[in-house]
């Protein structure tokens, strides 16, 4: 992994103390919100974060529309290119859906438990998926509108699309774009900071939802108060995050550790042969934990949970006593389509695929 610097002699991922300190600050902000509960913390934070996030996105989109590469970016993003639609691309899309919708990790399950009896689960699910997709598309327009306004970056992206090779999104986001904001983009001194505030808000909304899953589980299973459960969960997360922060070059052991030591076959199968805490966690989560968690959820919902319960929760029976068409489609997907699709991902991982 290369050393990423922002500015001359600026922030480096190899600076372990800085990385641990910034991680602690971000985790502290996350824990503060989660400790205050769903209504007093998460809902209140969301009411502030989401409108601000939308406002920043709209402002950025308006600015990007006047850049030279805006039209080319739209063509690059939305012009169909079925020649590049490989099986691997479909699997990557499935993996992205798992991550962005917090599927397979208990996020939707935890928040779903807080719904009121009169809330419609299908309607809320469709709304969440639609808004998530819309925000992702708008974010792509912003990112690629900026990138395609610089000839060298545009050439890099077009070459990546034609060859199927990946582009370092980390380097693009934290090294290339900051320079572009201040050297190429009109009003970049304002747009640049706003863009990274947007990135921080998006990350914070995600970490809040993820920590809530752990806190809710610890609180219920160990009969702890929410405050104490948040403290315990945050301490464990912080300990693991320190290993990740130091595995980017700050500490030799943390950067080179292997999960199964010298057992090469196990390392290759489970971690893809990767070394270092962050790379190992990233690989295991993306390739094993999320798919297997999602597979377990679909099997439970489709085969273990009684049909009467799912019908009741999803309003699956009409006034005439017959199952609604939407419920029938959902049940077929939950029992057959979703397990088959997720099973396909697991098989590809076993064959050496990597979706991290």
Foldseek 3Di string as FASTA:
>chain_A
DDWFAAPVVHDTLLPLVVLLVVVVVLLVVLLVQVLLDVVRRLVVLCVVLVVLLVVLLVVLLVQLVPFPQLVVLCCVVPPDDVVLPDPLVVLLVVLVCLVLVVFLQCLCVVVVVVDDLPDAPVVVVVVVVVVSVVVVVSVSSSLSSLQRSDPVSVVVVVVCSVVVNDDPPVCCVRPVVLVCLVPPGVVSVPSVVSVVVSVSSVVSSSSNSNLSRQLVVCCVVVVDRSSVSSVVSSVVVSVLVSLQSNLPNNDPCQVAPAPVPPPQVVSCLQQVVHGHSNSRVVFNVSQPSSLVSNLVVLCCVQPVDDPVVVCSNNVQADPVRHGDPVVVVVNCCSNPVSNVSSVVSNVVSNVRDTND
